[in-house]
Amino acid sequence: MNLQELTSHASSGGVDELNLISIEGGIYLLEARMQGAVHRVVDAQGKALHLRSVEHARELLQPVTPMPFNLIHAVVHDEMCGVQDDLNQDVKIPLAFRSAW
């Protein structure tokens, strides 16, 4: 799903939530959840849209209708300590869709 498609689905109320996935190395990716399915947000070339920060995501999402917005961060320490792989240890933090500034 590209940003234009995300904007269209969001304006019709079709997006349940938008997640900003924190990846090691300071990279953030967006995923939209719609009716239980996950849709990666891609750039014009169809590649995963890479963002630099939460504020960068908010700037990019200015034309998008607000919706539940979360930061998802994997807890890699648990993997290093041998926690079972079948446990979902990701941290999900609700974010304000718009910046408070």
N, C-alpha and C. Protein backbone atom coordinates (compact mmCIF):
# COMPACT_ATOMS: atom_id res chain seq x y z
N MET A 1 0.85 -1.16 0.00
CA MET A 1 0.00 0.00 0.00
C MET A 1 0.90 1.23 0.00
N ASN A 2 0.66 2.15 -0.91
CA ASN A 2 1.44 3.38 -0.91
C ASN A 2 0.73 4.45 -0.07
N LEU A 3 1.37 5.60 0.08
CA LEU A 3 0.84 6.65 0.95
C LEU A 3 -0.52 7.17 0.45
N GLN A 4 -0.69 7.27 -0.86
CA GLN A 4 -1.97 7.72 -1.41
C GLN A 4 -3.09 6.73 -1.08
N GLU A 5 -2.81 5.45 -1.20
CA GLU A 5 -3.80 4.42 -0.86
C GLU A 5 -4.10 4.45 0.64
N LEU A 6 -3.08 4.64 1.47
CA LEU A 6 -3.29 4.75 2.91
C LEU A 6 -4.20 5.93 3.23
N THR A 7 -3.96 7.06 2.59
CA THR A 7 -4.78 8.25 2.80
C THR A 7 -6.23 7.98 2.43
N SER A 8 -6.44 7.32 1.31
CA SER A 8 -7.79 6.99 0.84
C SER A 8 -8.50 6.04 1.81
N HIS A 9 -7.82 4.97 2.21
CA HIS A 9 -8.43 4.00 3.13
C HIS A 9 -8.71 4.65 4.49
N ALA A 10 -7.80 5.50 4.95
CA ALA A 10 -7.98 6.16 6.25
C ALA A 10 -9.18 7.11 6.21
N SER A 11 -9.35 7.84 5.12
CA SER A 11 -10.47 8.79 5.04
C SER A 11 -11.82 8.08 5.01
N SER A 12 -11.84 6.83 4.54
CA SER A 12 -13.09 6.06 4.52
C SER A 12 -13.28 5.24 5.80
N GLY A 13 -12.32 5.35 6.73
CA GLY A 13 -12.42 4.61 7.98
C GLY A 13 -12.02 3.16 7.87
N GLY A 14 -11.32 2.80 6.79
CA GLY A 14 -10.97 1.41 6.55
C GLY A 14 -9.72 0.91 7.27
N VAL A 15 -8.96 1.81 7.89
CA VAL A 15 -7.73 1.40 8.57
C VAL A 15 -8.01 1.30 10.06
N ASP A 16 -7.77 0.12 10.63
CA ASP A 16 -7.99 -0.09 12.06
C ASP A 16 -6.93 0.59 12.91
N GLU A 17 -5.67 0.46 12.50
CA GLU A 17 -4.58 1.12 13.22
C GLU A 17 -3.37 1.22 12.31
N LEU A 18 -2.50 2.14 12.66
CA LEU A 18 -1.26 2.34 11.94
C LEU A 18 -0.13 2.12 12.93
N ASN A 19 0.83 1.26 12.56
CA ASN A 19 1.94 0.96 13.45
C ASN A 19 3.25 1.41 12.83
N LEU A 20 4.05 2.06 13.66
CA LEU A 20 5.39 2.48 13.28
C LEU A 20 6.34 1.48 13.91
N ILE A 21 6.99 0.67 13.09
CA ILE A 21 7.83 -0.41 13.56
C ILE A 21 9.27 0.09 13.66
N SER A 22 9.82 0.00 14.87
CA SER A 22 11.21 0.41 15.11
C SER A 22 12.12 -0.77 14.79
N ILE A 23 13.05 -0.54 13.86
CA ILE A 23 14.01 -1.56 13.44
C ILE A 23 15.39 -1.14 13.92
N GLU A 24 16.19 -2.12 14.30
CA GLU A 24 17.55 -1.83 14.74
C GLU A 24 18.28 -0.98 13.70
N GLY A 25 19.04 0.00 14.15
CA GLY A 25 19.78 0.87 13.25
C GLY A 25 19.08 2.20 13.01
N GLY A 26 18.03 2.49 13.77
CA GLY A 26 17.35 3.78 13.64
C GLY A 26 16.44 3.89 12.44
N ILE A 27 15.91 2.77 11.98
CA ILE A 27 14.99 2.77 10.85
C ILE A 27 13.59 2.47 11.37
N TYR A 28 12.61 3.16 10.79
CA TYR A 28 11.22 2.94 11.14
C TYR A 28 10.44 2.60 9.88
N LEU A 29 9.54 1.64 10.00
CA LEU A 29 8.67 1.24 8.89
C LEU A 29 7.23 1.41 9.32
N LEU A 30 6.34 1.66 8.37
CA LEU A 30 4.91 1.80 8.66
C LEU A 30 4.16 0.56 8.19
N GLU A 31 3.18 0.14 9.00
CA GLU A 31 2.26 -0.90 8.58
C GLU A 31 0.86 -0.48 8.96
N ALA A 32 -0.07 -0.70 8.05
CA ALA A 32 -1.48 -0.43 8.31
C ALA A 32 -2.18 -1.75 8.56
N ARG A 33 -3.06 -1.79 9.55
CA ARG A 33 -3.85 -2.99 9.83
C ARG A 33 -5.28 -2.70 9.43
N MET A 34 -5.79 -3.58 8.56
CA MET A 34 -7.15 -3.43 8.04
C MET A 34 -7.83 -4.79 8.08
N GLN A 35 -8.90 -4.89 8.84
CA GLN A 35 -9.68 -6.13 8.95
C GLN A 35 -8.79 -7.34 9.22
N GLY A 36 -7.86 -7.19 10.14
CA GLY A 36 -6.99 -8.29 10.54
C GLY A 36 -5.80 -8.53 9.65
N ALA A 37 -5.71 -7.86 8.52
CA ALA A 37 -4.58 -8.04 7.61
C ALA A 37 -3.58 -6.90 7.78
N VAL A 38 -2.31 -7.22 7.59
CA VAL A 38 -1.24 -6.24 7.70
C VAL A 38 -0.82 -5.81 6.30
N HIS A 39 -0.73 -4.50 6.11
CA HIS A 39 -0.32 -3.94 4.82
C HIS A 39 0.89 -3.03 5.05
N ARG A 40 2.01 -3.40 4.46
CA ARG A 40 3.21 -2.58 4.57
C ARG A 40 3.03 -1.32 3.72
N VAL A 41 3.47 -0.18 4.25
CA VAL A 41 3.41 1.07 3.49
C VAL A 41 4.71 1.17 2.69
N VAL A 42 4.57 1.38 1.38
CA VAL A 42 5.72 1.37 0.47
C VAL A 42 5.90 2.72 -0.21
N ASP A 43 7.09 2.92 -0.77
CA ASP A 43 7.39 4.15 -1.50
C ASP A 43 6.95 4.02 -2.96
N ALA A 44 7.31 5.00 -3.79
CA ALA A 44 6.90 5.01 -5.19
C ALA A 44 7.48 3.84 -5.99
N GLN A 45 8.58 3.26 -5.53
CA GLN A 45 9.20 2.13 -6.21
C GLN A 45 8.70 0.79 -5.68
N GLY A 46 7.76 0.83 -4.73
CA GLY A 46 7.22 -0.41 -4.17
C GLY A 46 8.07 -1.02 -3.08
N LYS A 47 9.09 -0.28 -2.61
CA LYS A 47 9.95 -0.75 -1.52
C LYS A 47 9.43 -0.20 -0.20
N ALA A 48 9.76 -0.90 0.88
CA ALA A 48 9.32 -0.45 2.21
C ALA A 48 9.73 1.00 2.42
N LEU A 49 8.78 1.79 2.88
CA LEU A 49 9.02 3.20 3.14
C LEU A 49 9.82 3.32 4.44
N HIS A 50 11.05 3.84 4.35
CA HIS A 50 11.93 3.99 5.51
C HIS A 50 11.78 5.39 6.08
N LEU A 51 11.55 5.46 7.37
CA LEU A 51 11.42 6.73 8.07
C LEU A 51 12.53 6.85 9.09
N ARG A 52 12.83 8.10 9.50
CA ARG A 52 13.94 8.35 10.42
C ARG A 52 13.54 8.45 11.88
N SER A 53 12.26 8.77 12.13
CA SER A 53 11.84 9.01 13.51
C SER A 53 10.31 9.07 13.59
N VAL A 54 9.82 9.17 14.80
CA VAL A 54 8.38 9.35 15.01
C VAL A 54 7.94 10.67 14.39
N GLU A 55 8.72 11.73 14.59
CA GLU A 55 8.36 13.03 14.02
C GLU A 55 8.37 13.00 12.49
N HIS A 56 9.31 12.28 11.89
CA HIS A 56 9.33 12.14 10.44
C HIS A 56 8.04 11.47 9.96
N ALA A 57 7.60 10.44 10.68
CA ALA A 57 6.34 9.77 10.33
C ALA A 57 5.17 10.74 10.45
N ARG A 58 5.13 11.51 11.53
CA ARG A 58 4.03 12.48 11.70
C ARG A 58 4.01 13.51 10.58
N GLU A 59 5.17 13.98 10.16
CA GLU A 59 5.24 14.94 9.05
C GLU A 59 4.68 14.32 7.78
N LEU A 60 5.09 13.10 7.50
CA LEU A 60 4.63 12.40 6.30
C LEU A 60 3.12 12.14 6.34
N LEU A 61 2.58 11.92 7.54
CA LEU A 61 1.17 11.56 7.70
C LEU A 61 0.24 12.76 7.87
N GLN A 62 0.72 13.98 7.67
CA GLN A 62 -0.11 15.17 7.82
C GLN A 62 -1.42 15.11 7.03
N PRO A 63 -1.41 14.64 5.77
CA PRO A 63 -2.68 14.61 5.01
C PRO A 63 -3.58 13.43 5.36
N VAL A 64 -3.13 12.53 6.22
CA VAL A 64 -3.89 11.33 6.54
C VAL A 64 -4.84 11.57 7.71
N THR A 65 -6.07 11.07 7.60
CA THR A 65 -7.05 11.17 8.68
C THR A 65 -6.51 10.46 9.92
N PRO A 66 -6.54 11.14 11.07
CA PRO A 66 -6.02 10.51 12.30
C PRO A 66 -6.72 9.17 12.62
N MET A 67 -5.94 8.27 13.19
CA MET A 67 -6.41 6.94 13.56
C MET A 67 -5.52 6.47 14.71
N PRO A 68 -5.83 5.33 15.33
CA PRO A 68 -4.91 4.81 16.35
C PRO A 68 -3.52 4.60 15.73
N PHE A 69 -2.51 5.08 16.43
CA PHE A 69 -1.13 5.10 15.94
C PHE A 69 -0.23 4.57 17.05
N ASN A 70 0.57 3.55 16.75
CA ASN A 70 1.39 2.90 17.77
C ASN A 70 2.83 2.79 17.32
N LEU A 71 3.73 2.84 18.31
CA LEU A 71 5.13 2.52 18.09
C LEU A 71 5.33 1.08 18.53
N ILE A 72 5.89 0.26 17.65
CA ILE A 72 6.16 -1.15 17.96
C ILE A 72 7.67 -1.31 18.01
N HIS A 73 8.14 -1.85 19.12
CA HIS A 73 9.58 -2.04 19.30
C HIS A 73 9.84 -3.45 19.79
N ALA A 74 10.66 -4.20 19.07
CA ALA A 74 10.99 -5.56 19.47
C ALA A 74 11.90 -5.53 20.70
N VAL A 75 11.67 -6.44 21.61
CA VAL A 75 12.49 -6.55 22.80
C VAL A 75 13.55 -7.60 22.52
N VAL A 76 14.69 -7.17 21.99
CA VAL A 76 15.73 -8.11 21.59
C VAL A 76 16.44 -8.73 22.79
N HIS A 77 16.42 -8.07 23.92
CA HIS A 77 17.06 -8.62 25.12
C HIS A 77 16.45 -9.98 25.47
N ASP A 78 15.14 -10.10 25.32
CA ASP A 78 14.48 -11.37 25.61
C ASP A 78 14.98 -12.49 24.70
N GLU A 79 15.23 -12.18 23.43
CA GLU A 79 15.75 -13.18 22.51
C GLU A 79 17.14 -13.62 22.94
N MET A 80 17.96 -12.67 23.37
CA MET A 80 19.32 -12.99 23.77
C MET A 80 19.35 -13.83 25.04
N CYS A 81 18.34 -13.69 25.87
CA CYS A 81 18.31 -14.43 27.13
C CYS A 81 17.62 -15.79 26.99
N GLY A 82 17.16 -16.13 25.78
CA GLY A 82 16.61 -17.45 25.55
C GLY A 82 15.13 -17.60 25.81
N VAL A 83 14.36 -16.53 25.77
CA VAL A 83 12.92 -16.64 25.92
C VAL A 83 12.36 -17.35 24.70
N GLN A 84 11.34 -18.16 24.90
CA GLN A 84 10.76 -18.92 23.80
C GLN A 84 10.33 -18.01 22.67
N ASP A 85 10.55 -18.49 21.44
CA ASP A 85 10.21 -17.70 20.25
C ASP A 85 8.72 -17.49 20.07
N ASP A 86 7.89 -18.37 20.65
CA ASP A 86 6.45 -18.27 20.42
C ASP A 86 5.79 -17.20 21.28
N LEU A 87 6.53 -16.58 22.18
CA LEU A 87 5.97 -15.50 22.99
C LEU A 87 6.15 -14.18 22.26
N ASN A 88 5.11 -13.38 22.19
CA ASN A 88 5.19 -12.08 21.54
C ASN A 88 5.69 -11.07 22.57
N GLN A 89 6.94 -10.70 22.47
CA GLN A 89 7.57 -9.81 23.44
C GLN A 89 7.68 -8.37 22.95
N ASP A 90 7.07 -8.04 21.83
CA ASP A 90 7.16 -6.69 21.31
C ASP A 90 6.47 -5.70 22.24
N VAL A 91 7.03 -4.51 22.31
CA VAL A 91 6.45 -3.44 23.10
C VAL A 91 5.61 -2.58 22.15
N LYS A 92 4.36 -2.33 22.52
CA LYS A 92 3.44 -1.53 21.70
C LYS A 92 3.04 -0.31 22.52
N ILE A 93 3.46 0.88 22.04
CA ILE A 93 3.22 2.12 22.76
C ILE A 93 2.31 3.03 21.91
N PRO A 94 1.14 3.37 22.45
CA PRO A 94 0.26 4.31 21.70
C PRO A 94 0.93 5.68 21.58
N LEU A 95 0.81 6.27 20.39
CA LEU A 95 1.37 7.60 20.13
C LEU A 95 0.26 8.55 19.73
N ALA A 96 0.49 9.84 19.96
CA ALA A 96 -0.40 10.86 19.42
C ALA A 96 -0.16 10.91 17.91
N PHE A 97 -1.23 10.97 17.14
CA PHE A 97 -1.09 10.99 15.68
C PHE A 97 -0.49 12.29 15.21
N ARG A 98 -0.81 13.36 15.87
CA ARG A 98 -0.27 14.68 15.53
C ARG A 98 0.68 15.11 16.64
N SER A 99 1.69 15.86 16.26
CA SER A 99 2.65 16.37 17.23
C SER A 99 1.99 17.42 18.11
N ALA A 100 2.42 17.49 19.35
CA ALA A 100 1.85 18.47 20.29
C ALA A 100 2.38 19.87 20.07
N TRP A 101 3.37 20.02 19.21
CA TRP A 101 3.97 21.35 19.01
C TRP A 101 3.15 22.15 18.10
